[in-house]
Protein backbone atom coordinates (compact mmCIF):
# COMPACT_ATOMS: atom_id res chain seq x y z
CA MET A 1 -25.00 7.75 -15.94
CA ALA A 2 -26.16 4.48 -13.83
CA LYS A 3 -25.70 4.65 -10.02
CA LEU A 4 -24.15 3.03 -8.07
CA THR A 5 -25.07 0.83 -5.14
CA ARG A 6 -23.19 0.51 -2.41
CA ASP A 7 -21.76 -2.85 -2.91
CA GLU A 8 -21.37 -2.50 -6.71
CA PHE A 9 -18.43 0.43 -5.58
CA ILE A 10 -16.85 -1.69 -2.54
CA SER A 11 -16.40 -3.78 -5.36
CA ALA A 12 -14.80 -1.71 -7.91
CA LEU A 13 -12.56 -0.70 -5.40
CA LYS A 14 -11.58 -3.97 -4.42
CA GLU A 15 -10.64 -4.47 -7.88
CA MET A 16 -8.43 -1.72 -7.29
CA ASN A 17 -4.06 -1.75 -5.89
CA LEU A 18 -3.71 0.73 -3.61
CA LEU A 19 -2.34 3.43 -6.17
CA GLU A 20 -5.74 3.94 -8.23
CA ILE A 21 -7.72 4.54 -4.25
CA LYS A 22 -5.22 7.35 -3.53
CA GLU A 23 -5.53 9.14 -6.68
CA LEU A 24 -9.74 8.17 -6.36
CA VAL A 25 -9.00 9.81 -2.88
CA ASP A 26 -7.16 12.96 -4.66
CA ALA A 27 -9.71 13.77 -7.24
CA MET A 28 -12.57 13.46 -4.69
CA LYS A 29 -11.19 16.29 -2.47
CA GLU A 30 -10.97 18.01 -5.72
CA GLU A 31 -14.16 17.72 -7.05
CA PHE A 32 -16.31 17.88 -3.31
CA GLY A 33 -13.81 19.77 -1.72
CA VAL A 34 -14.21 17.55 0.85
CA ASP A 35 -11.23 14.78 2.71
CA PRO A 36 -13.13 11.91 3.18
CA SER A 37 -10.60 10.75 5.68
CA SER A 38 -11.56 13.37 7.73
CA VAL A 39 -15.77 12.34 7.87
CA ALA A 40 -15.50 12.06 12.01
CA VAL A 41 -17.09 8.02 12.73
CA ALA A 42 -17.93 7.10 15.58
CA ALA A 43 -14.98 5.94 18.61
CA PRO A 44 -15.27 2.14 18.81
CA VAL A 45 -15.56 1.24 22.62
CA ALA A 46 -12.42 1.51 24.00
CA GLY A 47 -12.58 -2.36 24.63
CA ASP A 48 -12.70 -2.99 21.03
CA ALA A 49 -10.31 -0.23 19.78
CA GLN A 50 -7.23 -2.21 20.82
CA ALA A 51 -8.65 -5.62 19.00
CA ASN A 52 -9.49 -4.38 16.07
CA GLU A 53 -5.81 -1.99 15.69
CA GLY A 54 -3.92 -4.90 14.17
CA PRO A 55 0.08 -4.66 14.62
CA SER A 56 1.14 -0.96 14.74
CA THR A 57 4.63 -1.92 12.50
CA VAL A 58 5.04 -3.86 9.49
CA THR A 59 7.10 -5.12 7.98
CA VAL A 60 7.37 -5.15 3.71
CA THR A 61 8.65 -8.47 2.43
CA LEU A 62 9.25 -9.21 -1.75
CA VAL A 63 7.87 -11.95 -2.62
CA ASN A 64 8.62 -12.12 -6.72
CA ALA A 65 9.75 -9.13 -8.72
CA GLY A 66 8.45 -10.15 -11.82
CA ALA A 67 9.28 -9.43 -15.45
CA ALA A 68 10.29 -6.30 -14.81
CA LYS A 69 13.19 -6.61 -12.15
CA VAL A 70 15.17 -4.12 -12.85
CA ASN A 71 12.45 -1.31 -11.83
CA VAL A 72 12.32 -3.07 -8.78
CA ILE A 73 15.55 -3.34 -8.25
CA LYS A 74 15.20 0.91 -9.01
CA VAL A 75 12.79 0.99 -6.16
CA ILE A 76 14.08 -0.92 -3.64
CA LYS A 77 17.38 1.48 -4.34
CA GLU A 78 15.25 3.97 -3.17
CA ILE A 79 13.58 3.02 -0.82
CA THR A 80 15.68 1.33 1.19
CA GLY A 81 18.89 3.20 0.35
CA LEU A 82 21.00 0.75 -0.27
CA GLY A 83 23.71 -0.17 -2.74
CA LEU A 84 23.11 -1.90 -6.27
CA LYS A 85 24.33 -5.43 -5.68
CA GLU A 86 22.62 -5.96 -1.72
CA SER A 87 19.17 -4.69 -3.74
CA LYS A 88 19.47 -6.54 -6.39
CA ASP A 89 20.30 -9.85 -3.65
CA ILE A 90 16.54 -8.55 -2.44
CA ALA A 91 14.89 -8.39 -5.66
CA ASP A 92 17.22 -12.26 -7.28
CA ASN A 93 16.05 -13.56 -3.70
CA GLY A 94 12.92 -11.95 -1.91
CA GLY A 95 12.65 -10.94 1.70
CA ALA A 96 11.89 -8.20 3.57
CA VAL A 97 12.38 -4.75 1.98
CA LYS A 98 11.61 -2.26 4.90
CA GLU A 99 11.26 -3.61 8.60
CA ASN A 100 9.22 -2.47 11.21
CA ILE A 101 8.02 0.62 9.64
CA SER A 102 3.95 1.67 10.46
CA VAL A 103 1.64 0.26 7.89
CA ASP A 104 0.79 3.56 6.10
CA GLU A 105 4.78 4.14 5.09
CA ALA A 106 3.86 0.17 4.19
CA ASN A 107 2.01 0.82 1.92
CA GLU A 108 2.55 3.39 0.24
CA ILE A 109 5.88 1.19 -0.31
CA LYS A 110 3.81 -1.94 -1.68
CA ALA A 111 1.46 0.44 -3.98
CA LYS A 112 5.52 1.39 -5.55
CA LEU A 113 6.74 -1.74 -5.55
CA GLU A 114 3.97 -2.82 -6.94
CA GLU A 115 3.71 -0.39 -9.29
CA ALA A 116 7.58 -1.71 -10.88
CA GLY A 117 5.85 -5.14 -11.40
CA ALA A 118 6.93 -7.07 -8.08
CA GLU A 119 4.78 -9.34 -5.76
CA VAL A 120 4.98 -7.50 -1.91
CA GLU A 121 3.46 -8.88 1.15
CA VAL A 122 2.41 -6.50 4.55
CA LYS A 123 2.87 -8.56 7.84
């Protein structure tokens, strides 16, 4: 098997969705016994830390429910705790699925909705 260059590896990661990347990280943990996210990285300078951090809370917005709308409705209902009608309204019309949540939670929700076939934005 040919060795991948750093650029080839990053290019391959760009083509993956969040769920596939999570599965890759889990496989790396299992194979090498090391959590890639726990590797020590030099701390940024204090002034740069706030500039690069981005927002602490975000909103997950449904852009398009896609062809498998029933699956998207089920995921919206599960995530939000809304009723079937309210979940269907979001799937039909788009809009905020969940607001003012952490970036990590938003990425998990986005992955679930994309897996169900929806087009999602995190703002």
